[in-house]
Amino acid sequence: MPIILANTAIVTQINVFTVPPGGQDAMVAFLVEAARVAREEPGWISASLHRCLDGTRVVNYAQTESMDAARRVIDRLNARGLIAENKKYGVANPGLYEVVFTLER
């Protein structure tokens, strides 16, 4: 389950994939398999996939316990060729983030 709390060591990778028309399902299926590989890495917390309602993007919101864990997950995915392979499904725009503020009702 995602953890959204400010001022923790948790690292959130937000990756926005632009996909061709009709390409969302293929990207989602690919990212589901990549998440199953990533979850085997110690320090991995969660992955949540979001489909844009206009059909043009898929967002992967993935979390790890620390920057070191994030690097290990990226290394694992690279070693399996999964980061390079996602280019078959769309164009990635990744970034690593920390939560600095939340507000709830």
C-alpha atoms as a PDB file:
ATOM      1  CA  MET A   1       0.000   0.000   0.000  1.00  0.00           C
ATOM      2  CA  PRO A   2       1.369   3.456  -0.859  1.00  0.00           C
ATOM      3  CA  ILE A   3       2.607   5.555   2.043  1.00  0.00           C
ATOM      4  CA  ILE A   4       2.109   9.280   1.574  1.00  0.00           C
ATOM      5  CA  LEU A   5       3.649  11.042   4.562  1.00  0.00           C
ATOM      6  CA  ALA A   6       5.803  14.158   4.600  1.00  0.00           C
ATOM      7  CA  ASN A   7       9.385  14.191   5.849  1.00  0.00           C
ATOM      8  CA  THR A   8      10.244  10.495   5.669  1.00  0.00           C
ATOM      9  CA  ALA A   9      13.070   8.642   3.929  1.00  0.00           C
ATOM     10  CA  ILE A  10      10.549   7.128   1.503  1.00  0.00           C
ATOM     11  CA  VAL A  11      11.401   7.761  -2.154  1.00  0.00           C
ATOM     12  CA  THR A  12       8.577   7.961  -4.674  1.00  0.00           C
ATOM     13  CA  GLN A  13       9.264   7.393  -8.321  1.00  0.00           C
ATOM     14  CA  ILE A  14       6.658   9.046 -10.518  1.00  0.00           C
ATOM     15  CA  ASN A  15       7.004   8.004 -14.127  1.00  0.00           C
ATOM     16  CA  VAL A  16       4.651   9.449 -16.722  1.00  0.00           C
ATOM     17  CA  PHE A  17       4.543   7.359 -19.900  1.00  0.00           C
ATOM     18  CA  THR A  18       3.136   8.879 -23.067  1.00  0.00           C
ATOM     19  CA  VAL A  19       1.627   6.084 -25.130  1.00  0.00           C
ATOM     20  CA  PRO A  20       0.375   5.857 -28.718  1.00  0.00           C
ATOM     21  CA  PRO A  21      -3.391   5.722 -29.355  1.00  0.00           C
ATOM     22  CA  GLY A  22      -4.728   2.429 -28.012  1.00  0.00           C
ATOM     23  CA  GLY A  23      -1.468   1.744 -26.155  1.00  0.00           C
ATOM     24  CA  GLN A  24      -2.543   2.095 -22.545  1.00  0.00           C
ATOM     25  CA  ASP A  25      -3.468  -1.535 -21.960  1.00  0.00           C
ATOM     26  CA  ALA A  26      -0.154  -2.824 -23.310  1.00  0.00           C
ATOM     27  CA  MET A  27       1.801  -0.354 -21.154  1.00  0.00           C
ATOM     28  CA  VAL A  28      -0.219  -1.248 -18.053  1.00  0.00           C
ATOM     29  CA  ALA A  29       0.329  -4.981 -18.635  1.00  0.00           C
ATOM     30  CA  PHE A  30       4.058  -4.410 -19.087  1.00  0.00           C
ATOM     31  CA  LEU A  31       4.304  -2.289 -15.929  1.00  0.00           C
ATOM     32  CA  VAL A  32       2.399  -4.884 -13.897  1.00  0.00           C
ATOM     33  CA  GLU A  33       5.052  -7.454 -14.811  1.00  0.00           C
ATOM     34  CA  ALA A  34       7.873  -4.989 -14.056  1.00  0.00           C
ATOM     35  CA  ALA A  35       6.317  -4.272 -10.640  1.00  0.00           C
ATOM     36  CA  ARG A  36       6.286  -7.981  -9.855  1.00  0.00           C
ATOM     37  CA  VAL A  37      10.034  -8.075 -10.547  1.00  0.00           C
ATOM     38  CA  ALA A  38      10.673  -4.896  -8.526  1.00  0.00           C
ATOM     39  CA  ARG A  39       8.779  -6.106  -5.452  1.00  0.00           C
ATOM     40  CA  GLU A  40      11.373  -8.841  -4.922  1.00  0.00           C
ATOM     41  CA  GLU A  41      13.983  -6.183  -4.069  1.00  0.00           C
ATOM     42  CA  PRO A  42      14.357  -5.476  -0.332  1.00  0.00           C
ATOM     43  CA  GLY A  43      13.105  -1.991   0.478  1.00  0.00           C
ATOM     44  CA  TRP A  44      10.446  -1.938  -2.245  1.00  0.00           C
ATOM     45  CA  ILE A  45       7.106  -0.716  -0.834  1.00  0.00           C
ATOM     46  CA  SER A  46       4.488  -0.404  -3.565  1.00  0.00           C
ATOM     47  CA  ALA A  47       3.529   0.375  -7.140  1.00  0.00           C
ATOM     48  CA  SER A  48       0.316   2.031  -8.284  1.00  0.00           C
ATOM     49  CA  LEU A  49      -0.608   2.423 -11.935  1.00  0.00           C
ATOM     50  CA  HIS A  50      -2.861   5.174 -13.232  1.00  0.00           C
ATOM     51  CA  ARG A  51      -4.499   5.372 -16.656  1.00  0.00           C
ATOM     52  CA  CYS A  52      -5.170   8.876 -18.052  1.00  0.00           C
ATOM     53  CA  LEU A  53      -8.800   9.301 -19.041  1.00  0.00           C
ATOM     54  CA  ASP A  54      -7.846  10.832 -22.392  1.00  0.00           C
ATOM     55  CA  GLY A  55      -5.983   7.637 -23.390  1.00  0.00           C
ATOM     56  CA  THR A  56      -2.575   9.291 -23.891  1.00  0.00           C
ATOM     57  CA  ARG A  57      -0.658   8.498 -20.691  1.00  0.00           C
ATOM     58  CA  VAL A  58      -0.006   5.916 -17.990  1.00  0.00           C
ATOM     59  CA  VAL A  59       1.522   6.944 -14.666  1.00  0.00           C
ATOM     60  CA  ASN A  60       3.524   4.621 -12.440  1.00  0.00           C
ATOM     61  CA  TYR A  61       3.704   5.757  -8.801  1.00  0.00           C
ATOM     62  CA  ALA A  62       6.222   3.467  -7.078  1.00  0.00           C
ATOM     63  CA  GLN A  63       7.743   3.704  -3.613  1.00  0.00           C
ATOM     64  CA  THR A  64      10.827   2.416  -1.836  1.00  0.00           C
ATOM     65  CA  GLU A  65      12.035   2.770   1.746  1.00  0.00           C
ATOM     66  CA  SER A  66      15.098   4.834   0.795  1.00  0.00           C
ATOM     67  CA  MET A  67      17.216   6.196  -2.034  1.00  0.00           C
ATOM     68  CA  ASP A  68      19.461   3.127  -1.764  1.00  0.00           C
ATOM     69  CA  ALA A  69      16.454   0.858  -2.214  1.00  0.00           C
ATOM     70  CA  ALA A  70      15.299   2.951  -5.183  1.00  0.00           C
ATOM     71  CA  ARG A  71      18.698   2.508  -6.830  1.00  0.00           C
ATOM     72  CA  ARG A  72      18.619  -1.239  -6.205  1.00  0.00           C
ATOM     73  CA  VAL A  73      15.149  -1.505  -7.774  1.00  0.00           C
ATOM     74  CA  ILE A  74      16.303   0.477 -10.816  1.00  0.00           C
ATOM     75  CA  ASP A  75      19.413  -1.718 -11.077  1.00  0.00           C
ATOM     76  CA  ARG A  76      17.252  -4.873 -10.884  1.00  0.00           C
ATOM     77  CA  LEU A  77      14.932  -3.600 -13.613  1.00  0.00           C
ATOM     78  CA  ASN A  78      17.902  -2.567 -15.779  1.00  0.00           C
ATOM     79  CA  ALA A  79      19.541  -5.974 -15.328  1.00  0.00           C
ATOM     80  CA  ARG A  80      16.352  -7.643 -16.575  1.00  0.00           C
ATOM     81  CA  GLY A  81      16.144  -5.257 -19.540  1.00  0.00           C
ATOM     82  CA  LEU A  82      12.790  -3.940 -18.351  1.00  0.00           C
ATOM     83  CA  ILE A  83      13.657  -0.256 -18.407  1.00  0.00           C
ATOM     84  CA  ALA A  84      14.909  -0.466 -21.980  1.00  0.00           C
ATOM     85  CA  GLU A  85      11.931  -2.623 -22.987  1.00  0.00           C
ATOM     86  CA  ASN A  86       9.344  -0.103 -21.812  1.00  0.00           C
ATOM     87  CA  LYS A  87      10.340   2.040 -24.808  1.00  0.00           C
ATOM     88  CA  LYS A  88       8.366  -0.395 -26.978  1.00  0.00           C
ATOM     89  CA  TYR A  89       5.171   0.780 -25.299  1.00  0.00           C
ATOM     90  CA  GLY A  90       5.676   4.523 -24.892  1.00  0.00           C
ATOM     91  CA  VAL A  91       7.953   7.399 -23.918  1.00  0.00           C
ATOM     92  CA  ALA A  92       8.960   7.612 -20.238  1.00  0.00           C
ATOM     93  CA  ASN A  93       9.419  10.769 -18.193  1.00  0.00           C
ATOM     94  CA  PRO A  94      10.658   9.510 -14.782  1.00  0.00           C
ATOM     95  CA  GLY A  95      11.601  11.340 -11.620  1.00  0.00           C
ATOM     96  CA  LEU A  96      12.380  10.531  -7.976  1.00  0.00           C
ATOM     97  CA  TYR A  97      10.487  12.545  -5.377  1.00  0.00           C
ATOM     98  CA  GLU A  98      10.022  13.075  -1.661  1.00  0.00           C
ATOM     99  CA  VAL A  99       6.731  14.088  -0.071  1.00  0.00           C
ATOM    100  CA  VAL A 100       6.990  17.537   1.483  1.00  0.00           C
ATOM    101  CA  PHE A 101       3.329  18.261   2.307  1.00  0.00           C
ATOM    102  CA  THR A 102      -0.005  16.500   2.558  1.00  0.00           C
ATOM    103  CA  LEU A 103      -3.450  17.779   3.505  1.00  0.00           C
ATOM    104  CA  GLU A 104      -6.473  15.662   4.364  1.00  0.00           C
ATOM    105  CA  ARG A 105     -10.058  16.419   5.242  1.00  0.00           C
END
